């Protein structure tokens, strides 16, 4: 790739290439320069008549540079509405879990809350892994139906 702002003479580099190919090479080179330099570099514009210097910031900036400029970032905070919706979802889930049988609830608790694997549960229950997987899928389907009705 050429230096910023300079497009190489593709006619000299590829004398046997057609004009269409040369034009595509020029356009591609310009697009690459735009992506690699124009977007990332701030530009200085000097107005000679009014003696004013304007700095146009880059469209893309690094985190380090923004931190050096002490740019403040907005915190990703949860709104009150989101907190309430989360609590309502948790309540609905607890109600749905309470409708499961003791065996079903135990399996779900072990897999999702105690982070046991299906294989560990199969070994503990003395059944095949596929049986635990199928049972888990049926329980999840049952929970989804419960949640739809709430």
C-alpha atoms as a PDB file:
ATOM      1  CA  UNK A   1       0.000   0.000   0.000  1.00  0.00           C
ATOM      2  CA  UNK A   2       1.171   3.519  -0.748  1.00  0.00           C
ATOM      3  CA  UNK A   3       1.829   6.326   1.691  1.00  0.00           C
ATOM      4  CA  UNK A   4      -1.236   8.193   2.902  1.00  0.00           C
ATOM      5  CA  UNK A   5      -2.663  10.461   0.226  1.00  0.00           C
ATOM      6  CA  UNK A   6      -0.571   8.948  -2.547  1.00  0.00           C
ATOM      7  CA  UNK A   7      -1.974   6.437  -4.969  1.00  0.00           C
ATOM      8  CA  UNK A   8       0.684   4.431  -6.783  1.00  0.00           C
ATOM      9  CA  UNK A   9       0.951   4.456 -10.543  1.00  0.00           C
ATOM     10  CA  UNK A  10      -0.675   1.119 -11.273  1.00  0.00           C
ATOM     11  CA  UNK A  11      -0.020   1.558 -15.008  1.00  0.00           C
ATOM     12  CA  UNK A  12       3.726   1.278 -14.297  1.00  0.00           C
ATOM     13  CA  UNK A  13       3.265  -1.552 -11.820  1.00  0.00           C
ATOM     14  CA  UNK A  14       0.987  -3.580 -14.118  1.00  0.00           C
ATOM     15  CA  UNK A  15       1.651  -2.550 -17.740  1.00  0.00           C
ATOM     16  CA  UNK A  16      -0.260  -5.530 -19.154  1.00  0.00           C
ATOM     17  CA  UNK A  17      -3.481  -4.769 -17.197  1.00  0.00           C
ATOM     18  CA  UNK A  18      -6.547  -3.277 -18.884  1.00  0.00           C
ATOM     19  CA  UNK A  19      -7.923   0.177 -17.997  1.00  0.00           C
ATOM     20  CA  UNK A  20     -10.832  -1.406 -16.109  1.00  0.00           C
ATOM     21  CA  UNK A  21      -8.420  -3.333 -13.880  1.00  0.00           C
ATOM     22  CA  UNK A  22      -6.289  -0.224 -13.299  1.00  0.00           C
ATOM     23  CA  UNK A  23      -9.393   1.758 -12.340  1.00  0.00           C
ATOM     24  CA  UNK A  24     -10.499  -0.940  -9.890  1.00  0.00           C
ATOM     25  CA  UNK A  25      -7.011  -0.946  -8.339  1.00  0.00           C
ATOM     26  CA  UNK A  26      -7.124   2.850  -7.919  1.00  0.00           C
ATOM     27  CA  UNK A  27     -10.565   2.758  -6.337  1.00  0.00           C
ATOM     28  CA  UNK A  28      -9.580  -0.075  -4.024  1.00  0.00           C
ATOM     29  CA  UNK A  29      -6.398   1.723  -2.960  1.00  0.00           C
ATOM     30  CA  UNK A  30      -8.364   4.885  -2.220  1.00  0.00           C
ATOM     31  CA  UNK A  31     -10.906   2.940  -0.154  1.00  0.00           C
ATOM     32  CA  UNK A  32      -8.109   1.301   1.827  1.00  0.00           C
ATOM     33  CA  UNK A  33      -6.524   4.690   2.501  1.00  0.00           C
ATOM     34  CA  UNK A  34      -9.873   6.037   3.620  1.00  0.00           C
ATOM     35  CA  UNK A  35     -10.316   3.137   6.052  1.00  0.00           C
ATOM     36  CA  UNK A  36      -6.741   3.186   7.356  1.00  0.00           C
ATOM     37  CA  UNK A  37      -5.963   6.897   7.490  1.00  0.00           C
ATOM     38  CA  UNK A  38      -8.877   9.245   6.847  1.00  0.00           C
ATOM     39  CA  UNK A  39     -11.168   7.769   9.481  1.00  0.00           C
ATOM     40  CA  UNK A  40      -8.451   7.464  12.107  1.00  0.00           C
ATOM     41  CA  UNK A  41      -6.631  10.769  11.767  1.00  0.00           C
ATOM     42  CA  UNK A  42      -7.859  14.098  13.013  1.00  0.00           C
ATOM     43  CA  UNK A  43      -7.641  16.879  10.485  1.00  0.00           C
ATOM     44  CA  UNK A  44      -6.511  20.443  10.972  1.00  0.00           C
ATOM     45  CA  UNK A  45      -8.294  23.095   8.931  1.00  0.00           C
ATOM     46  CA  UNK A  46      -6.756  26.564   8.810  1.00  0.00           C
ATOM     47  CA  UNK A  47      -8.896  29.532   7.756  1.00  0.00           C
ATOM     48  CA  UNK A  48      -6.350  32.066   6.429  1.00  0.00           C
ATOM     49  CA  UNK A  49      -8.793  34.972   6.208  1.00  0.00           C
ATOM     50  CA  UNK A  50     -10.097  34.791   9.769  1.00  0.00           C
ATOM     51  CA  UNK A  51      -6.910  33.322  11.236  1.00  0.00           C
ATOM     52  CA  UNK A  52      -8.798  30.405  12.826  1.00  0.00           C
ATOM     53  CA  UNK A  53      -7.536  26.863  13.266  1.00  0.00           C
ATOM     54  CA  UNK A  54     -10.174  24.130  13.544  1.00  0.00           C
ATOM     55  CA  UNK A  55      -9.438  20.564  14.520  1.00  0.00           C
ATOM     56  CA  UNK A  56     -11.831  18.008  13.133  1.00  0.00           C
ATOM     57  CA  UNK A  57     -11.650  14.925  15.359  1.00  0.00           C
ATOM     58  CA  UNK A  58     -11.237  11.492  13.873  1.00  0.00           C
ATOM     59  CA  UNK A  59     -14.306   9.349  13.432  1.00  0.00           C
ATOM     60  CA  UNK A  60     -12.519   6.499  15.103  1.00  0.00           C
ATOM     61  CA  UNK A  61     -10.454   6.834  18.254  1.00  0.00           C
ATOM     62  CA  UNK A  62      -8.580   4.562  20.603  1.00  0.00           C
ATOM     63  CA  UNK A  63      -9.580   4.045  24.207  1.00  0.00           C
ATOM     64  CA  UNK A  64      -6.134   5.151  25.378  1.00  0.00           C
ATOM     65  CA  UNK A  65      -6.390   8.459  23.547  1.00  0.00           C
ATOM     66  CA  UNK A  66      -9.864   9.105  24.916  1.00  0.00           C
ATOM     67  CA  UNK A  67      -8.649   8.308  28.435  1.00  0.00           C
ATOM     68  CA  UNK A  68      -5.743  10.740  27.960  1.00  0.00           C
ATOM     69  CA  UNK A  69      -8.256  13.430  26.995  1.00  0.00           C
ATOM     70  CA  UNK A  70     -10.229  12.463  30.119  1.00  0.00           C
ATOM     71  CA  UNK A  71     -13.376  11.779  28.141  1.00  0.00           C
ATOM     72  CA  UNK A  72     -16.193  10.707  30.431  1.00  0.00           C
ATOM     73  CA  UNK A  73     -18.100   7.593  29.419  1.00  0.00           C
ATOM     74  CA  UNK A  74     -21.716   7.032  30.322  1.00  0.00           C
ATOM     75  CA  UNK A  75     -22.140   4.178  32.757  1.00  0.00           C
ATOM     76  CA  UNK A  76     -24.270   1.316  31.642  1.00  0.00           C
ATOM     77  CA  UNK A  77     -26.758   1.504  34.472  1.00  0.00           C
ATOM     78  CA  UNK A  78     -29.948  -0.426  34.875  1.00  0.00           C
ATOM     79  CA  UNK A  79     -33.110   1.663  34.996  1.00  0.00           C
ATOM     80  CA  UNK A  80     -35.767   1.277  37.664  1.00  0.00           C
ATOM     81  CA  UNK A  81     -38.109  -0.235  35.082  1.00  0.00           C
ATOM     82  CA  UNK A  82     -35.530  -2.888  34.173  1.00  0.00           C
ATOM     83  CA  UNK A  83     -35.016  -3.782  37.851  1.00  0.00           C
ATOM     84  CA  UNK A  84     -38.766  -4.173  38.355  1.00  0.00           C
ATOM     85  CA  UNK A  85     -39.117  -6.290  35.211  1.00  0.00           C
ATOM     86  CA  UNK A  86     -36.251  -8.522  36.326  1.00  0.00           C
ATOM     87  CA  UNK A  87     -37.843  -9.013  39.749  1.00  0.00           C
ATOM     88  CA  UNK A  88     -41.195  -9.859  38.163  1.00  0.00           C
ATOM     89  CA  UNK A  89     -39.490 -12.418  35.910  1.00  0.00           C
ATOM     90  CA  UNK A  90     -37.752 -13.982  38.917  1.00  0.00           C
ATOM     91  CA  UNK A  91     -41.082 -14.198  40.777  1.00  0.00           C
ATOM     92  CA  UNK A  92     -42.732 -15.835  37.767  1.00  0.00           C
ATOM     93  CA  UNK A  93     -39.865 -18.307  37.494  1.00  0.00           C
ATOM     94  CA  UNK A  94     -40.083 -19.204  41.200  1.00  0.00           C
ATOM     95  CA  UNK A  95     -43.834 -19.772  40.876  1.00  0.00           C
ATOM     96  CA  UNK A  96     -43.260 -21.982  37.837  1.00  0.00           C
ATOM     97  CA  UNK A  97     -40.519 -23.925  39.625  1.00  0.00           C
ATOM     98  CA  UNK A  98     -42.830 -24.484  42.593  1.00  0.00           C
ATOM     99  CA  UNK A  99     -45.303 -26.249  40.271  1.00  0.00           C
ATOM    100  CA  UNK A 100     -42.713 -28.878  39.313  1.00  0.00           C
ATOM    101  CA  UNK A 101     -42.493 -32.207  41.086  1.00  0.00           C
ATOM    102  CA  UNK A 102     -39.727 -32.643  43.639  1.00  0.00           C
ATOM    103  CA  UNK A 103     -37.629 -34.796  41.269  1.00  0.00           C
ATOM    104  CA  UNK A 104     -38.008 -32.304  38.410  1.00  0.00           C
ATOM    105  CA  UNK A 105     -37.133 -29.354  40.641  1.00  0.00           C
ATOM    106  CA  UNK A 106     -34.092 -31.210  42.022  1.00  0.00           C
ATOM    107  CA  UNK A 107     -32.778 -31.900  38.503  1.00  0.00           C
ATOM    108  CA  UNK A 108     -33.212 -28.266  37.411  1.00  0.00           C
ATOM    109  CA  UNK A 109     -31.648 -26.925  40.608  1.00  0.00           C
ATOM    110  CA  UNK A 110     -28.635 -29.192  40.267  1.00  0.00           C
ATOM    111  CA  UNK A 111     -28.035 -28.372  36.606  1.00  0.00           C
ATOM    112  CA  UNK A 112     -28.762 -24.630  36.621  1.00  0.00           C
ATOM    113  CA  UNK A 113     -28.068 -23.491  40.160  1.00  0.00           C
ATOM    114  CA  UNK A 114     -25.435 -25.937  41.363  1.00  0.00           C
ATOM    115  CA  UNK A 115     -23.869 -26.028  37.866  1.00  0.00           C
ATOM    116  CA  UNK A 116     -23.649 -29.790  37.650  1.00  0.00           C
ATOM    117  CA  UNK A 117     -23.381 -31.307  34.199  1.00  0.00           C
ATOM    118  CA  UNK A 118     -25.931 -33.661  32.717  1.00  0.00           C
ATOM    119  CA  UNK A 119     -23.304 -36.414  32.829  1.00  0.00           C
ATOM    120  CA  UNK A 120     -22.728 -35.846  36.546  1.00  0.00           C
ATOM    121  CA  UNK A 121     -26.464 -35.992  37.170  1.00  0.00           C
ATOM    122  CA  UNK A 122     -26.772 -39.179  35.086  1.00  0.00           C
ATOM    123  CA  UNK A 123     -24.045 -40.814  37.178  1.00  0.00           C
ATOM    124  CA  UNK A 124     -25.691 -39.655  40.427  1.00  0.00           C
ATOM    125  CA  UNK A 125     -29.135 -40.897  39.351  1.00  0.00           C
ATOM    126  CA  UNK A 126     -27.804 -44.114  37.827  1.00  0.00           C
ATOM    127  CA  UNK A 127     -29.240 -43.466  34.354  1.00  0.00           C
ATOM    128  CA  UNK A 128     -27.867 -42.740  30.907  1.00  0.00           C
ATOM    129  CA  UNK A 129     -26.844 -39.209  29.924  1.00  0.00           C
ATOM    130  CA  UNK A 130     -29.513 -39.164  27.182  1.00  0.00           C
ATOM    131  CA  UNK A 131     -32.219 -39.871  29.740  1.00  0.00           C
ATOM    132  CA  UNK A 132     -31.161 -36.882  31.840  1.00  0.00           C
ATOM    133  CA  UNK A 133     -30.984 -34.679  28.743  1.00  0.00           C
ATOM    134  CA  UNK A 134     -34.460 -35.683  27.559  1.00  0.00           C
ATOM    135  CA  UNK A 135     -35.918 -35.235  31.035  1.00  0.00           C
ATOM    136  CA  UNK A 136     -34.326 -31.771  31.284  1.00  0.00           C
ATOM    137  CA  UNK A 137     -35.790 -30.797  27.893  1.00  0.00           C
ATOM    138  CA  UNK A 138     -39.260 -31.947  28.954  1.00  0.00           C
ATOM    139  CA  UNK A 139     -39.002 -30.015  32.219  1.00  0.00           C
ATOM    140  CA  UNK A 140     -37.908 -26.857  30.391  1.00  0.00           C
ATOM    141  CA  UNK A 141     -40.824 -27.221  27.995  1.00  0.00           C
ATOM    142  CA  UNK A 142     -43.141 -27.620  30.994  1.00  0.00           C
ATOM    143  CA  UNK A 143     -41.668 -24.472  32.601  1.00  0.00           C
ATOM    144  CA  UNK A 144     -42.183 -22.501  29.400  1.00  0.00           C
ATOM    145  CA  UNK A 145     -45.833 -23.533  29.345  1.00  0.00           C
ATOM    146  CA  UNK A 146     -46.217 -22.516  32.988  1.00  0.00           C
ATOM    147  CA  UNK A 147     -44.631 -19.146  32.279  1.00  0.00           C
ATOM    148  CA  UNK A 148     -46.975 -18.516  29.348  1.00  0.00           C
ATOM    149  CA  UNK A 149     -49.959 -18.984  31.644  1.00  0.00           C
ATOM    150  CA  UNK A 150     -48.780 -16.505  34.285  1.00  0.00           C
END
